[in-house]
Amino acid sequence: MALQDGKLFYKISEVASHLGVTASTLRFWEKEIPNLKPRTNKKGNRQYTQEDIDKIQKIKFLVKDQGHTVAGAKQKLSLNKTKVESQSEIAERLMDIKKFLVELREKLG
């Protein structure tokens, strides 16, 4: 799921809020997952691209939804990228549908 404001780069607080994790969780995952390295500006602030956010969504899916450890998620990402992407996309779509249905129920009831 993309952030909707069309920016090229997002702050860690924006990404954390959007994905429902803490900034410290994002920093921890960056240390543990080698291919997750957002760029930094001159002040050292992280700048996440949509590609970074997509990687984080996959990690979140494996750790939070599937119950893997970070090491297990790291291994799973390196071995079976396509399957993880597919499952992550399906889970994200289902969450969007659930959100839509909850909003619809509130409007109707």
Protein backbone atom coordinates (compact mmCIF):
# COMPACT_ATOMS: atom_id res chain seq x y z
CA MET A 1 0.00 0.00 0.00
CA ALA A 2 1.50 3.31 -1.06
CA LEU A 3 1.43 6.48 0.96
CA GLN A 4 -0.97 8.75 -0.90
CA ASP A 5 0.64 12.19 -0.88
CA GLY A 6 2.92 11.56 -3.89
CA LYS A 7 6.19 12.44 -2.16
CA LEU A 8 9.43 10.79 -3.27
CA PHE A 9 10.78 10.42 0.26
CA TYR A 10 9.11 9.85 3.61
CA LYS A 11 10.33 10.43 7.16
CA ILE A 12 10.66 7.51 9.56
CA SER A 13 7.71 8.80 11.61
CA GLU A 14 5.47 8.85 8.52
CA VAL A 15 6.43 5.31 7.54
CA ALA A 16 6.07 3.99 11.09
CA SER A 17 2.63 5.56 11.47
CA HIS A 18 1.46 4.33 8.07
CA LEU A 19 2.55 0.75 8.75
CA GLY A 20 1.53 0.61 12.40
CA VAL A 21 5.00 -0.06 13.82
CA THR A 22 7.34 2.06 15.90
CA ALA A 23 10.31 3.99 14.56
CA SER A 24 12.58 1.90 16.79
CA THR A 25 11.21 -1.26 15.16
CA LEU A 26 12.09 0.15 11.74
CA ARG A 27 15.63 1.00 12.90
CA PHE A 28 16.03 -2.50 14.35
CA TRP A 29 14.87 -4.13 11.12
CA GLU A 30 17.33 -1.96 9.18
CA LYS A 31 20.18 -3.33 11.29
CA GLU A 32 19.06 -6.93 10.86
CA ILE A 33 17.95 -7.01 7.20
CA PRO A 34 20.88 -6.13 4.90
CA ASN A 35 18.89 -5.03 1.84
CA LEU A 36 16.77 -2.55 3.85
CA LYS A 37 18.86 0.62 3.79
CA PRO A 38 16.94 3.89 3.35
CA ARG A 39 19.02 6.82 2.26
CA THR A 40 19.87 9.59 4.69
CA ASN A 41 20.05 13.34 4.22
CA LYS A 42 22.92 15.58 5.34
CA LYS A 43 21.53 15.67 8.88
CA GLY A 44 21.40 11.86 9.01
CA ASN A 45 17.61 11.65 8.87
CA ARG A 46 16.28 8.58 7.10
CA GLN A 47 14.46 9.10 3.82
CA TYR A 48 12.32 6.16 2.76
CA THR A 49 11.26 5.57 -0.83
CA GLN A 50 8.17 3.62 -1.86
CA GLU A 51 10.49 0.69 -2.63
CA ASP A 52 11.78 0.80 0.97
CA ILE A 53 8.19 0.88 2.25
CA ASP A 54 7.31 -2.15 0.11
CA LYS A 55 10.25 -4.08 1.62
CA ILE A 56 9.17 -3.11 5.12
CA GLN A 57 5.62 -4.30 4.41
CA LYS A 58 7.01 -7.72 3.46
CA ILE A 59 9.11 -7.85 6.62
CA LYS A 60 6.13 -6.79 8.73
CA PHE A 61 3.97 -9.46 7.10
CA LEU A 62 6.51 -12.17 7.92
CA VAL A 63 7.25 -11.02 11.47
CA LYS A 64 3.92 -9.69 12.71
CA ASP A 65 1.39 -11.68 10.66
CA GLN A 66 3.20 -14.96 10.05
CA GLY A 67 5.02 -15.08 13.41
CA HIS A 68 8.56 -15.48 12.08
CA THR A 69 11.58 -14.14 13.91
CA VAL A 70 13.53 -11.38 12.18
CA ALA A 71 16.21 -13.95 11.32
CA GLY A 72 13.53 -16.23 9.91
CA ALA A 73 12.03 -13.39 7.90
CA LYS A 74 15.46 -12.51 6.57
CA GLN A 75 15.99 -16.11 5.45
CA LYS A 76 12.52 -16.39 3.96
CA LEU A 77 12.98 -13.16 2.00
CA SER A 78 16.23 -14.37 0.50
CA LEU A 79 14.93 -17.84 -0.40
CA ASN A 80 11.37 -17.33 -1.59
CA LYS A 81 10.87 -13.71 -2.61
CA THR A 82 7.99 -14.25 -5.05
CA LYS A 83 5.88 -16.26 -2.62
CA VAL A 84 6.39 -13.72 0.18
CA GLU A 85 5.47 -10.86 -2.15
CA SER A 86 2.31 -12.64 -3.24
CA GLN A 87 1.22 -13.50 0.30
CA SER A 88 2.02 -10.00 1.52
CA GLU A 89 -0.03 -8.43 -1.28
CA ILE A 90 -2.98 -10.72 -0.55
CA ALA A 91 -2.86 -9.88 3.17
CA GLU A 92 -2.70 -6.16 2.38
CA ARG A 93 -5.68 -6.39 0.02
CA LEU A 94 -7.69 -8.26 2.63
CA MET A 95 -6.92 -5.56 5.20
CA ASP A 96 -8.09 -2.91 2.73
CA ILE A 97 -11.33 -4.85 2.14
CA LYS A 98 -11.87 -5.21 5.87
CA LYS A 99 -11.35 -1.48 6.38
CA PHE A 100 -13.81 -0.71 3.58
CA LEU A 101 -16.43 -3.06 5.03
CA VAL A 102 -16.07 -1.60 8.52
CA GLU A 103 -16.51 1.92 7.13
CA LEU A 104 -19.51 0.80 5.10
CA ARG A 105 -21.11 -0.82 8.15
CA GLU A 106 -20.65 2.40 10.11
CA LYS A 107 -22.27 4.45 7.36
CA LEU A 108 -25.23 2.07 7.08
CA GLY A 109 -25.80 1.41 10.69
